[in-house]
Amino acid sequence: MNPVKRTRVFLLLMAIVLAVLYAFPFVLVILNSLKDRVQVIQDPLGWPTEWKWSNFTEAIDKMDFWQALGNSLFITIVSVVLVVITSAGLAYYLQRARTRTANTIFLVLVASMIVPFQALMLPFVSFFGANGLGWSFNQLTLSIFYVGFGVALSTFLYHGFISNIPFDLDEAAAIDGAGPFRTFMTVIFPLLGPVTATVSIINALWIWNDYLLPSIVLDDTSEKTLPLRTFVFFGQYTSDYGLAMAGLLLAMFPIVIFYFIMQRKIIAGISAGAVK
């Protein structure tokens, strides 16, 4: 076997090993979602002795699945739409302005990406809460917070993508009488399809699965998202892991479908938006 073939075989074996390691936790979740609580504790790695499909219907009832699903959909859709509009417009301005102020703003946005939310959590809640600005924490407020935390990375991706769009298009639109806003909406934004898909997927996955920020902001039980509602399966003295795994699968299903629908555009969008 020549060196090229050996390299290919080695890379194939490595890919298979990594795929198995990656899929193993998901297989465990699926298997344990079909067991009762006792069997999950006694044999978490084994096959179910009795396939308990009723776990899913019990999980739907116990976690108020449909209400939590509606809450998650509302927060995710509103947040992603606001992030796309805000970051795309901001990136267009920063890239086309070419001023020292615009460059400084862009550098500040990029630098802010390295600051973890945990470092800002307590002062953040204190500033916007009852002791600060006195905001009423609800789903719309949570969506605005997501825009603030998601706009930096999204603007970075859009900025890199827009830099590859010739400025001649802006000049042609200006000759036809279009202002900056109309130029962006009718000429530039329709060209941002791949990076918009990437930004939508990244932010949707993050917002849909986020637990920490909604747990701080949402106090009303009727407004809680799916990650928050799955916590009902874990009590102070006992936990029903079979129902919890079923609830986790139900919570993952919508966002996994969305990812598979949009996955073809994510690689193209990241490579085009991150490399100038």
Protein backbone atom coordinates (compact mmCIF):
# COMPACT_ATOMS: atom_id res chain seq x y z
CA MET A 1 0.00 0.00 0.00
CA ASN A 2 1.47 3.33 -1.07
CA PRO A 3 1.77 6.27 1.37
CA VAL A 4 -1.20 8.12 -0.14
CA LYS A 5 -3.52 5.18 0.38
CA ARG A 6 -2.21 4.61 3.90
CA THR A 7 -2.90 8.24 4.70
CA ARG A 8 -6.44 7.97 3.34
CA VAL A 9 -7.11 4.77 5.29
CA PHE A 10 -5.76 6.37 8.46
CA LEU A 11 -7.92 9.47 8.00
CA LEU A 12 -10.97 7.28 7.31
CA LEU A 13 -10.39 5.27 10.48
CA MET A 14 -9.93 8.46 12.49
CA ALA A 15 -13.17 9.85 11.04
CA ILE A 16 -15.02 6.66 11.98
CA VAL A 17 -13.64 6.74 15.54
CA LEU A 18 -14.55 10.40 15.97
CA ALA A 19 -18.03 9.80 14.53
CA VAL A 20 -18.63 6.94 16.99
CA LEU A 21 -17.38 9.02 19.92
CA TYR A 22 -19.57 11.94 18.85
CA ALA A 23 -22.67 9.80 18.35
CA PHE A 24 -22.25 7.75 21.54
CA PRO A 25 -23.87 10.28 23.93
CA PHE A 26 -26.85 10.71 21.59
CA VAL A 27 -27.32 6.93 21.39
CA LEU A 28 -27.28 6.78 25.20
CA VAL A 29 -29.92 9.50 25.42
CA ILE A 30 -32.15 7.63 22.97
CA LEU A 31 -31.74 4.29 24.75
CA ASN A 32 -32.28 5.72 28.24
CA SER A 33 -35.34 7.66 27.09
CA LEU A 34 -37.03 4.30 26.58
CA LYS A 35 -36.27 2.93 30.08
CA ASP A 36 -37.88 3.42 33.45
CA ARG A 37 -36.05 5.25 36.23
CA VAL A 38 -34.77 2.11 37.98
CA GLN A 39 -33.31 0.57 34.82
CA VAL A 40 -31.56 3.81 33.87
CA ILE A 41 -29.80 3.83 37.25
CA GLN A 42 -28.97 0.11 37.24
CA ASP A 43 -27.84 -0.26 33.63
CA PRO A 44 -27.42 3.09 31.82
CA LEU A 45 -25.31 1.54 29.04
CA GLY A 46 -27.55 -1.44 28.29
CA TRP A 47 -30.53 -1.99 26.00
CA PRO A 48 -34.01 -1.47 27.46
CA THR A 49 -35.54 -4.67 28.79
CA GLU A 50 -38.94 -3.11 28.18
CA TRP A 51 -39.35 -0.34 25.61
CA LYS A 52 -41.23 2.34 27.52
CA TRP A 53 -42.65 4.56 24.77
CA SER A 54 -45.00 6.13 27.30
CA ASN A 55 -42.05 8.20 28.56
CA PHE A 56 -42.60 10.61 25.70
CA THR A 57 -46.28 11.21 26.39
CA GLU A 58 -45.59 11.57 30.11
CA ALA A 59 -42.75 14.00 29.39
CA ILE A 60 -45.01 16.09 27.13
CA ASP A 61 -47.60 16.40 29.89
CA LYS A 62 -45.21 16.98 32.77
CA MET A 63 -43.06 19.65 31.11
CA ASP A 64 -45.99 21.45 29.41
CA PHE A 65 -44.22 20.75 26.15
CA TRP A 66 -46.48 22.61 23.74
CA GLN A 67 -46.49 25.80 25.77
CA ALA A 68 -42.71 25.65 26.26
CA LEU A 69 -42.28 24.91 22.54
CA GLY A 70 -44.27 28.02 21.66
CA ASN A 71 -42.18 30.11 24.06
CA SER A 72 -38.91 28.79 22.60
CA LEU A 73 -40.10 29.35 19.04
CA PHE A 74 -41.20 32.92 19.79
CA ILE A 75 -37.96 33.87 21.57
CA THR A 76 -35.73 32.18 19.00
CA ILE A 77 -37.47 33.58 15.92
CA VAL A 78 -37.73 37.14 17.27
CA SER A 79 -34.13 37.11 18.50
CA VAL A 80 -32.67 35.69 15.30
CA VAL A 81 -34.60 38.13 13.10
CA LEU A 82 -33.45 41.09 15.22
CA VAL A 83 -29.85 39.85 15.25
CA VAL A 84 -29.83 39.42 11.46
CA ILE A 85 -31.30 42.88 10.79
CA THR A 86 -29.14 44.67 13.35
CA SER A 87 -25.82 42.98 12.58
CA ALA A 88 -26.24 43.08 8.80
CA GLY A 89 -27.01 46.79 8.81
CA LEU A 90 -24.22 47.56 11.27
CA ALA A 91 -21.69 45.51 9.31
CA TYR A 92 -22.66 47.27 6.07
CA TYR A 93 -22.13 50.67 7.67
CA LEU A 94 -18.84 49.73 9.32
CA GLN A 95 -17.43 48.18 6.15
CA ARG A 96 -18.49 50.94 3.77
CA ALA A 97 -17.80 53.91 6.07
CA ARG A 98 -14.03 53.31 6.21
CA THR A 99 -13.50 55.86 8.95
CA ARG A 100 -11.43 55.69 12.12
CA THR A 101 -14.61 55.67 14.21
CA ALA A 102 -16.04 52.76 12.22
CA ASN A 103 -12.79 50.81 12.57
CA THR A 104 -12.74 51.44 16.32
CA ILE A 105 -16.33 50.26 16.73
CA PHE A 106 -15.55 47.11 14.77
CA LEU A 107 -12.48 46.36 16.89
CA VAL A 108 -14.50 46.85 20.08
CA LEU A 109 -17.16 44.43 18.79
CA VAL A 110 -14.55 41.81 17.93
CA ALA A 111 -12.84 42.23 21.31
CA SER A 112 -16.16 41.84 23.14
CA MET A 113 -16.51 38.28 21.80
CA ILE A 114 -13.84 37.03 24.21
CA VAL A 115 -15.75 38.23 27.30
CA PRO A 116 -17.90 35.36 28.70
CA PHE A 117 -21.45 36.03 29.81
CA GLN A 118 -20.71 34.59 33.26
CA ALA A 119 -18.37 37.52 33.91
CA LEU A 120 -21.17 40.01 33.15
CA MET A 121 -24.11 38.11 34.61
CA LEU A 122 -24.49 39.75 38.03
CA PRO A 123 -23.81 43.38 37.01
CA PHE A 124 -25.95 42.84 33.90
CA VAL A 125 -29.02 41.74 35.87
CA SER A 126 -28.43 44.41 38.50
CA PHE A 127 -28.20 47.18 35.88
CA PHE A 128 -31.34 46.27 33.96
CA GLY A 129 -33.36 44.87 36.89
CA ALA A 130 -35.39 46.47 39.64
CA ASN A 131 -32.33 48.06 41.26
CA GLY A 132 -31.23 49.68 38.01
CA LEU A 133 -33.28 50.67 34.98
CA GLY A 134 -36.28 48.75 36.30
CA TRP A 135 -36.97 46.77 33.14
CA SER A 136 -39.77 44.22 33.24
CA PHE A 137 -38.17 40.87 32.47
CA ASN A 138 -40.21 38.89 29.92
CA GLN A 139 -39.78 37.13 26.58
CA LEU A 140 -39.38 40.34 24.58
CA THR A 141 -36.77 41.64 27.03
CA LEU A 142 -34.92 38.34 26.74
CA SER A 143 -34.92 38.70 22.94
CA ILE A 144 -33.39 42.18 23.22
CA PHE A 145 -30.69 40.77 25.51
CA TYR A 146 -29.91 38.07 22.97
CA VAL A 147 -29.44 40.74 20.31
CA GLY A 148 -26.90 42.49 22.52
CA PHE A 149 -24.93 39.31 23.14
CA GLY A 150 -25.19 37.96 19.58
CA VAL A 151 -24.54 41.05 17.48
CA ALA A 152 -20.72 40.96 17.83
CA LEU A 153 -20.07 37.58 16.18
CA SER A 154 -22.82 38.14 13.63
CA THR A 155 -21.45 41.55 12.65
CA PHE A 156 -17.97 40.02 12.30
CA LEU A 157 -19.28 37.39 9.85
CA TYR A 158 -21.33 39.90 7.87
CA HIS A 159 -18.43 42.38 7.77
CA GLY A 160 -16.11 39.83 6.19
CA PHE A 161 -18.73 38.79 3.65
CA ILE A 162 -19.64 42.36 2.65
CA SER A 163 -15.96 43.19 2.12
CA ASN A 164 -16.03 40.76 -0.83
CA ILE A 165 -18.95 42.58 -2.49
CA PRO A 166 -17.62 45.18 -4.98
CA PHE A 167 -18.20 48.81 -4.05
CA ASP A 168 -19.18 49.39 -7.68
CA LEU A 169 -22.64 48.06 -6.85
CA ASP A 170 -23.12 50.83 -4.28
CA GLU A 171 -21.95 53.45 -6.79
CA ALA A 172 -24.28 52.10 -9.48
CA ALA A 173 -27.20 52.21 -7.07
CA ALA A 174 -26.30 55.77 -6.05
CA ILE A 175 -26.24 56.84 -9.71
CA ASP A 176 -29.76 55.41 -10.06
CA GLY A 177 -30.85 57.61 -7.15
CA ALA A 178 -30.85 55.03 -4.34
CA GLY A 179 -29.81 56.16 -0.88
CA PRO A 180 -27.70 54.06 1.53
CA PHE A 181 -30.72 52.37 3.14
CA ARG A 182 -32.34 51.46 -0.18
CA THR A 183 -28.98 50.30 -1.55
CA PHE A 184 -28.52 48.00 1.41
CA MET A 185 -32.06 46.58 1.32
CA THR A 186 -32.41 46.09 -2.44
CA VAL A 187 -28.84 45.48 -3.62
CA ILE A 188 -26.58 44.30 -0.79
CA PHE A 189 -28.82 42.30 1.54
CA PRO A 190 -30.14 39.93 -1.19
CA LEU A 191 -26.49 38.94 -1.81
CA LEU A 192 -25.97 37.96 1.84
CA GLY A 193 -27.93 34.71 1.63
CA PRO A 194 -25.13 32.25 2.61
CA VAL A 195 -23.85 34.29 5.56
CA THR A 196 -27.41 35.06 6.68
CA ALA A 197 -28.09 31.32 6.80
CA THR A 198 -24.92 30.84 8.84
CA VAL A 199 -25.78 33.63 11.26
CA SER A 200 -29.32 32.27 11.63
CA ILE A 201 -28.12 28.73 12.40
CA ILE A 202 -25.43 29.79 14.87
CA ASN A 203 -27.74 32.08 16.80
CA ALA A 204 -30.75 29.76 16.63
CA LEU A 205 -28.74 26.84 18.06
CA TRP A 206 -27.36 29.05 20.84
CA ILE A 207 -30.67 30.71 21.76
CA TRP A 208 -32.73 27.51 21.55
CA ASN A 209 -30.39 25.56 23.84
CA ASP A 210 -29.52 28.39 26.23
CA TYR A 211 -30.39 27.78 29.87
CA LEU A 212 -28.50 30.38 31.90
CA LEU A 213 -29.88 33.65 30.54
CA PRO A 214 -33.57 32.55 30.44
CA SER A 215 -33.23 31.16 33.97
CA ILE A 216 -32.21 34.65 35.13
CA VAL A 217 -34.68 36.69 33.09
CA LEU A 218 -37.87 34.58 32.97
CA ASP A 219 -39.63 34.33 36.32
CA ASP A 220 -43.12 33.49 35.05
CA THR A 221 -43.56 29.73 34.65
CA SER A 222 -45.87 30.22 31.64
CA GLU A 223 -43.04 31.97 29.73
CA LYS A 224 -40.28 29.41 30.34
CA THR A 225 -38.49 27.77 27.42
CA LEU A 226 -37.90 24.09 26.74
CA PRO A 227 -34.45 23.91 28.44
CA LEU A 228 -36.00 25.40 31.59
CA ARG A 229 -38.99 23.08 31.53
CA THR A 230 -36.81 19.96 31.28
CA PHE A 231 -35.55 20.81 34.77
CA VAL A 232 -38.90 19.62 36.24
CA PHE A 233 -37.66 16.03 35.96
CA PHE A 234 -34.89 16.64 38.48
CA GLY A 235 -36.17 16.89 42.06
CA GLN A 236 -34.44 17.55 45.34
CA TYR A 237 -34.48 13.91 46.44
CA THR A 238 -35.06 11.94 43.26
CA SER A 239 -34.84 12.32 39.48
CA ASP A 240 -36.69 10.50 36.73
CA TYR A 241 -33.90 10.12 34.19
CA GLY A 242 -36.03 8.20 31.68
CA LEU A 243 -38.53 11.06 31.44
CA ALA A 244 -35.68 13.57 31.43
CA MET A 245 -34.03 11.89 28.44
CA ALA A 246 -37.35 11.78 26.61
CA GLY A 247 -37.86 15.47 27.36
CA LEU A 248 -34.37 16.29 26.08
CA LEU A 249 -35.04 14.45 22.82
CA LEU A 250 -38.32 16.32 22.37
CA ALA A 251 -36.54 19.63 23.03
CA MET A 252 -33.75 18.83 20.55
CA PHE A 253 -35.96 17.64 17.71
CA PRO A 254 -37.15 21.02 16.27
CA ILE A 255 -33.70 22.65 16.23
CA VAL A 256 -32.09 19.53 14.73
CA ILE A 257 -34.62 19.63 11.88
CA PHE A 258 -33.83 23.31 11.33
CA TYR A 259 -30.10 22.57 11.26
CA PHE A 260 -30.41 19.79 8.68
CA ILE A 261 -32.51 22.03 6.46
CA MET A 262 -29.93 24.84 6.58
CA GLN A 263 -26.66 22.89 6.92
CA ARG A 264 -25.66 23.14 3.27
CA LYS A 265 -25.13 26.88 3.53
CA ILE A 266 -23.34 27.06 6.87
CA ILE A 267 -19.82 26.12 5.69
CA ALA A 268 -19.95 28.48 2.72
CA GLY A 269 -21.20 31.30 4.90
CA ILE A 270 -18.54 30.84 7.61
CA SER A 271 -15.63 30.62 5.16
CA ALA A 272 -16.84 33.58 3.09
CA GLY A 273 -17.65 35.72 6.11
CA ALA A 274 -14.62 35.00 8.29
CA VAL A 275 -11.92 35.29 5.62
CA LYS A 276 -11.43 38.71 4.07
